[in-house]
Structures are given as C-alpha cells and as structure tokens.
Amino acid sequence: MNVLKKKSAPAEAIDTTALTPADYRLPIWFFGFEGALAAAFDILRAFPTAWPALLILLAVNITVSLTVMRRRIKLAKALWHGKETRKLAFALIALRIGSHFALNAVGMTVNSAFGHVLFALVMAATTIGLLAYSQQTAIRALTTARPAI
C-alpha cells in the first residue's frame, strides 16, 4: 500500500445550524481585557512603568481573540458592523477626551496617581458595561433574525 498515493476521505462538514446566537456569547473576562485597554491611558499616567504589562496584555488579548475566541468571530463581526457599537466606541473616546477637557475648564486637572486610577476604573467599568450591553443587543437581534425551525 502506497501511503503517498492513497486518497483520504473528505472531511465531514460541521453542522453550524445547531448553534444558537447565544452560543457565540463572549465571556465577561474577555471584556476585562477590553476594559483594561480602555483604561490604558490613565494607567500609564498613574504608573508610567506599566507600559510593558499593557503591551503583554494587548498581545494576550490578540492571541486569545484569534485562538480561544475564534468561533465567536461571527458575533464580533456582527458587533462591529452594527452602527450602535461604533457609536459606543466613539462615545467612549469622546467621554475620555471630554471629561479631561471639562475638568481642565473648571480648573480641576487630574494630576495625582489616585485621580488617574479612579479615571481608569471608571473607563474600564464603562467599557465593560457598554460592551456587555452591545453584545446583548446583537444576540437579541441575531436571535430574532433567525428563522424559526
């Protein structure tokens, strides 16, 4: 028997119709990565030597996204194709910039490490909350868009 000339059987197709949109739900710990990265500016302001840890966190986030979360790419694409998620992303950026401008306008600049840690916690919590809300909205939309079998 010649192994090189032997034809292998075709791979079986994976039945993806049995999966529901809720099966693509991202775990809350994944949002923790996103929250930490959203708070990166203030983390670096409070602890300037933390940049290597944030780079490692970013690398882990990318690696986890491309490996463990691979089957959830459909939901991630649905989230980023939705106007609401992009609005939320821009709203977070506006919140970051606007809050610092507003504090500067009233003469209360954030200079202390404690202030930046507080800002980092608020930005992380806001990011996690908004991403979880956006995910719920996308799953609800995907669930109602599925034809009943």
Protein backbone atom coordinates (compact mmCIF):
# COMPACT_ATOMS: atom_id res chain seq x y z
CA MET A 1 0.00 0.00 0.00
CA ASN A 2 1.45 3.32 -1.06
CA VAL A 3 0.63 5.98 1.52
CA LEU A 4 1.56 8.83 -0.81
CA LYS A 5 -0.99 7.79 -3.46
CA LYS A 6 -3.80 6.95 -1.07
CA LYS A 7 -6.61 9.45 -1.18
CA SER A 8 -8.05 10.49 2.11
CA ALA A 9 -11.74 10.66 2.77
CA PRO A 10 -13.25 14.13 2.56
CA ALA A 11 -13.64 15.89 5.86
CA GLU A 12 -17.10 15.86 7.35
CA ALA A 13 -18.92 19.13 7.23
CA ILE A 14 -19.51 20.81 10.57
CA ASP A 15 -23.17 21.40 11.29
CA THR A 16 -23.37 25.03 12.38
CA THR A 17 -27.15 25.20 12.19
CA ALA A 18 -27.39 23.66 15.67
CA LEU A 19 -25.61 26.65 17.20
CA THR A 20 -27.72 29.46 18.51
CA PRO A 21 -26.57 33.08 18.62
CA ALA A 22 -26.27 32.76 22.41
CA ASP A 23 -23.55 30.14 21.83
CA TYR A 24 -21.36 32.90 20.48
CA ARG A 25 -21.61 34.94 23.69
CA LEU A 26 -18.27 36.41 24.74
CA PRO A 27 -17.32 35.67 28.35
CA ILE A 28 -17.19 38.60 30.75
CA TRP A 29 -13.48 38.02 31.45
CA PHE A 30 -12.80 38.87 27.80
CA PHE A 31 -14.42 42.25 28.38
CA GLY A 32 -11.93 42.69 31.22
CA PHE A 33 -9.16 42.76 28.61
CA GLU A 34 -11.01 45.45 26.71
CA GLY A 35 -11.70 47.43 29.88
CA ALA A 36 -8.04 47.36 30.87
CA LEU A 37 -7.00 48.53 27.43
CA ALA A 38 -9.62 51.31 27.53
CA ALA A 39 -8.10 52.44 30.82
CA ALA A 40 -4.54 52.24 29.47
CA PHE A 41 -4.11 56.00 29.14
CA ASP A 42 -4.80 56.65 32.81
CA ILE A 43 -2.93 53.54 33.92
CA LEU A 44 0.14 54.89 32.14
CA ARG A 45 -0.39 58.33 33.66
CA ALA A 46 -0.60 56.84 37.15
CA PHE A 47 2.15 54.25 36.65
CA PRO A 48 4.48 55.20 33.77
CA THR A 49 6.46 51.98 34.13
CA ALA A 50 3.37 49.83 33.44
CA TRP A 51 3.69 50.02 29.65
CA PRO A 52 5.36 46.56 29.33
CA ALA A 53 2.45 44.98 31.23
CA LEU A 54 -0.03 46.74 28.96
CA LEU A 55 1.83 45.55 25.86
CA ILE A 56 1.76 41.98 27.20
CA LEU A 57 -1.95 42.38 27.95
CA LEU A 58 -2.52 43.60 24.40
CA ALA A 59 -0.60 40.63 22.98
CA VAL A 60 -2.58 38.20 25.15
CA ASN A 61 -5.81 39.90 24.08
CA ILE A 62 -4.94 39.48 20.40
CA THR A 63 -3.81 35.88 20.92
CA VAL A 64 -6.96 34.94 22.82
CA SER A 65 -9.08 36.67 20.21
CA LEU A 66 -7.51 34.69 17.40
CA THR A 67 -7.48 31.31 19.17
CA VAL A 68 -9.89 30.71 22.04
CA MET A 69 -12.50 33.15 20.75
CA ARG A 70 -12.18 32.07 17.11
CA ARG A 71 -15.64 30.53 16.90
CA ARG A 72 -17.15 33.74 18.20
CA ILE A 73 -15.85 35.80 15.29
CA LYS A 74 -19.37 35.89 13.82
CA LEU A 75 -20.68 37.80 16.82
CA ALA A 76 -17.65 40.09 16.88
CA LYS A 77 -18.19 40.93 13.20
CA ALA A 78 -21.89 41.49 13.85
CA LEU A 79 -20.98 43.80 16.72
CA TRP A 80 -18.54 45.89 14.68
CA HIS A 81 -20.84 46.02 11.65
CA GLY A 82 -23.58 47.46 13.83
CA LYS A 83 -23.83 51.23 13.98
CA GLU A 84 -24.52 51.09 17.71
CA THR A 85 -21.15 49.52 18.56
CA ARG A 86 -19.27 52.11 16.56
CA LYS A 87 -21.30 54.84 18.24
CA LEU A 88 -20.37 53.35 21.61
CA ALA A 89 -16.68 53.26 20.68
CA PHE A 90 -16.74 56.91 19.61
CA ALA A 91 -18.76 57.80 22.72
CA LEU A 92 -16.06 56.24 24.91
CA ILE A 93 -13.39 58.26 23.13
CA ALA A 94 -15.49 61.41 23.49
CA LEU A 95 -16.03 60.62 27.17
CA ARG A 96 -12.30 60.26 27.69
CA ILE A 97 -11.38 63.49 25.94
CA GLY A 98 -14.43 65.44 27.07
CA SER A 99 -14.05 64.59 30.72
CA HIS A 100 -10.45 65.78 30.80
CA PHE A 101 -11.37 68.97 28.92
CA ALA A 102 -14.30 69.60 31.26
CA LEU A 103 -12.11 69.14 34.33
CA ASN A 104 -9.45 71.42 32.85
CA ALA A 105 -12.11 74.05 32.10
CA VAL A 106 -13.16 74.23 35.75
CA GLY A 107 -9.55 74.17 36.95
CA MET A 108 -9.53 70.63 38.30
CA THR A 109 -6.90 68.83 36.28
CA VAL A 110 -6.16 65.24 37.16
CA ASN A 111 -2.53 65.15 38.24
CA SER A 112 -2.37 62.60 41.02
CA ALA A 113 -1.92 58.87 40.65
CA PHE A 114 -5.12 58.34 42.64
CA GLY A 115 -7.09 60.53 40.21
CA HIS A 116 -5.78 58.62 37.21
CA VAL A 117 -6.50 55.27 38.89
CA LEU A 118 -10.04 56.48 39.57
CA PHE A 119 -10.41 57.55 35.94
CA ALA A 120 -9.02 54.18 34.81
CA LEU A 121 -11.57 52.32 36.93
CA VAL A 122 -14.45 54.44 35.60
CA MET A 123 -13.34 53.97 31.98
CA ALA A 124 -12.86 50.21 32.45
CA ALA A 125 -16.26 49.79 34.11
CA THR A 126 -17.97 51.92 31.47
CA THR A 127 -16.31 49.97 28.65
CA ILE A 128 -17.23 46.60 30.13
CA GLY A 129 -20.81 47.68 30.75
CA LEU A 130 -21.29 49.11 27.28
CA LEU A 131 -19.70 46.11 25.56
CA ALA A 132 -21.89 43.72 27.53
CA TYR A 133 -24.96 45.78 26.59
CA SER A 134 -23.90 45.85 22.93
CA GLN A 135 -23.38 42.08 22.96
CA GLN A 136 -26.85 41.51 24.45
CA THR A 137 -28.36 43.75 21.78
CA ALA A 138 -26.54 41.90 18.98
CA ILE A 139 -27.51 38.48 20.34
CA ARG A 140 -31.12 39.60 20.66
CA ALA A 141 -31.03 40.88 17.06
CA LEU A 142 -29.45 37.66 15.77
CA THR A 143 -31.98 35.58 17.69
CA THR A 144 -34.97 37.45 16.27
CA ALA A 145 -33.46 37.42 12.76
CA ARG A 146 -33.12 33.62 12.75
CA PRO A 147 -35.96 31.82 11.02
CA ALA A 148 -37.91 29.51 13.31
CA ILE A 149 -37.39 25.85 12.54
